[in-house]
Amino acid sequence: MGFWIFMLLMDLIIPLTMIGFGRYFIKNTSKEINALFGYRTCMSMKNKDTWEFAHKYCGKIWYACGLIILPITVIFMLLVIGKSNDYVGTAGGIICGIQLIPLIGSVFPTEITLKRIFDHNGKRRN
């Protein structure tokens, strides 16, 4: 049971991170453009407007995905209670891998929307 609890906690890291950073990005977009923290792509770092837009947009995706992934993770981990450590570890690893899809995949809709709203110089399209 101890290993199951450990795997549950490990599998909750990604959705809780998405929820936390999603909320942070939505509410705190006035931070300066920097190379250490935030949604950092060439397009998002063009200027303050693209930076703020990218953070709000990506933050909404992360927040929503995190809220969806969190209960699904708990449900799937409840299904492996009492199984062997190998089974629990494999299931937890698969869950974690699947959680990475929306985490990393959020870059694609964010970049597509940035390019739709801003030109290559970072100015809003009319």
Protein backbone atom coordinates (compact mmCIF):
# COMPACT_ATOMS: atom_id res chain seq x y z
CA MET A 1 0.00 0.00 0.00
CA GLY A 2 2.92 2.34 0.69
CA PHE A 3 4.19 2.12 -2.88
CA TRP A 4 0.69 2.76 -4.22
CA ILE A 5 0.47 5.98 -2.16
CA PHE A 6 3.89 7.02 -3.43
CA MET A 7 2.84 6.44 -7.07
CA LEU A 8 -0.42 8.30 -6.53
CA LEU A 9 1.48 11.29 -5.17
CA MET A 10 3.95 11.16 -8.07
CA ASP A 11 1.13 10.96 -10.61
CA LEU A 12 -0.60 13.96 -9.04
CA ILE A 13 2.43 16.20 -9.58
CA ILE A 14 1.72 16.95 -13.26
CA PRO A 15 -2.00 17.82 -12.96
CA LEU A 16 -1.42 19.86 -9.79
CA THR A 17 1.46 21.68 -11.48
CA MET A 18 -0.72 22.41 -14.50
CA ILE A 19 -3.49 23.77 -12.27
CA GLY A 20 -1.09 25.86 -10.18
CA PHE A 21 0.97 27.32 -13.01
CA GLY A 22 -2.16 27.71 -15.14
CA ARG A 23 -3.75 29.91 -12.49
CA TYR A 24 -0.49 31.76 -11.98
CA PHE A 25 -0.07 32.44 -15.72
CA ILE A 26 -3.67 33.64 -16.04
CA LYS A 27 -3.49 36.03 -13.08
CA ASN A 28 0.14 37.23 -13.16
CA THR A 29 0.86 38.13 -16.75
CA SER A 30 2.45 41.47 -15.94
CA LYS A 31 5.82 39.87 -15.22
CA GLU A 32 8.69 41.01 -17.37
CA ILE A 33 9.85 38.92 -20.30
CA ASN A 34 12.65 36.70 -19.05
CA ALA A 35 14.62 33.65 -20.10
CA LEU A 36 14.13 31.71 -16.87
CA PHE A 37 10.46 31.46 -16.02
CA GLY A 38 7.27 31.33 -18.03
CA TYR A 39 6.00 30.30 -21.45
CA ARG A 40 9.17 31.00 -23.44
CA THR A 41 9.11 30.62 -27.20
CA CYS A 42 10.43 32.92 -29.89
CA MET A 43 6.93 34.16 -30.65
CA SER A 44 5.86 34.67 -27.03
CA MET A 45 9.01 36.66 -26.25
CA LYS A 46 8.62 39.15 -29.15
CA ASN A 47 7.18 41.85 -26.89
CA LYS A 48 5.10 42.44 -23.77
CA ASP A 49 1.81 41.95 -25.63
CA THR A 50 2.74 38.54 -27.05
CA TRP A 51 4.24 37.54 -23.68
CA GLU A 52 1.05 38.36 -21.78
CA PHE A 53 -1.23 36.81 -24.39
CA ALA A 54 0.77 33.56 -24.50
CA HIS A 55 0.73 33.23 -20.72
CA LYS A 56 -3.00 33.80 -20.42
CA TYR A 57 -3.78 31.46 -23.31
CA CYS A 58 -1.45 28.65 -22.23
CA GLY A 59 -2.50 29.17 -18.61
CA LYS A 60 -6.14 28.56 -19.51
CA ILE A 61 -5.21 25.36 -21.35
CA TRP A 62 -3.07 24.10 -18.48
CA TYR A 63 -5.68 24.97 -15.86
CA ALA A 64 -8.51 23.24 -17.74
CA CYS A 65 -6.43 20.18 -18.62
CA GLY A 66 -5.16 19.88 -15.06
CA LEU A 67 -8.72 19.95 -13.70
CA ILE A 68 -9.70 17.20 -16.14
CA ILE A 69 -6.60 15.04 -15.63
CA LEU A 70 -6.66 15.20 -11.81
CA PRO A 71 -9.82 13.14 -11.16
CA ILE A 72 -9.02 10.77 -14.04
CA THR A 73 -5.63 10.08 -12.48
CA VAL A 74 -7.16 9.35 -9.09
CA ILE A 75 -9.78 7.05 -10.63
CA PHE A 76 -7.19 5.04 -12.58
CA MET A 77 -4.90 4.80 -9.57
CA LEU A 78 -7.82 3.56 -7.45
CA LEU A 79 -8.22 0.73 -9.95
CA VAL A 80 -4.73 -0.61 -9.14
CA ILE A 81 -5.05 -0.70 -5.34
CA GLY A 82 -3.93 -4.10 -4.10
CA LYS A 83 -2.00 -4.98 -7.27
CA SER A 84 1.70 -5.84 -7.26
CA ASN A 85 4.30 -3.08 -7.06
CA ASP A 86 5.32 -3.85 -10.66
CA TYR A 87 1.74 -3.43 -11.83
CA VAL A 88 1.24 -0.22 -9.86
CA GLY A 89 4.56 1.17 -11.11
CA THR A 90 3.76 0.34 -14.72
CA ALA A 91 0.28 1.84 -14.45
CA GLY A 92 1.67 4.95 -12.77
CA GLY A 93 4.32 5.34 -15.46
CA ILE A 94 1.75 5.03 -18.24
CA ILE A 95 -0.52 7.57 -16.53
CA CYS A 96 2.40 9.97 -16.16
CA GLY A 97 3.32 9.55 -19.83
CA ILE A 98 -0.25 10.25 -20.91
CA GLN A 99 -0.33 13.35 -18.67
CA LEU A 100 2.64 14.75 -20.56
CA ILE A 101 0.61 14.90 -23.79
CA PRO A 102 -1.52 17.94 -22.82
CA LEU A 103 1.35 19.45 -20.83
CA ILE A 104 3.66 19.53 -23.85
CA GLY A 105 0.88 19.60 -26.43
CA SER A 106 -0.36 22.96 -25.13
CA VAL A 107 2.50 24.57 -27.05
CA PHE A 108 0.86 23.81 -30.41
CA PRO A 109 -2.50 25.59 -29.94
CA THR A 110 -0.76 28.45 -28.14
CA GLU A 111 1.72 28.99 -30.97
CA ILE A 112 -0.96 28.64 -33.65
CA THR A 113 -3.12 31.23 -31.89
CA LEU A 114 -0.16 33.57 -31.38
CA LYS A 115 0.62 33.42 -35.11
CA ARG A 116 -3.04 33.99 -35.96
CA ILE A 117 -3.34 37.06 -33.73
CA PHE A 118 0.16 38.55 -34.14
CA ASP A 119 2.34 39.04 -37.19
CA HIS A 120 5.96 37.81 -37.32
CA ASN A 121 7.11 41.04 -35.63
CA GLY A 122 4.71 40.59 -32.72
CA LYS A 123 2.24 43.29 -33.76
CA ARG A 124 -1.46 42.51 -33.50
CA ARG A 125 -3.13 41.83 -36.81
CA ASN A 126 -6.11 44.01 -37.72
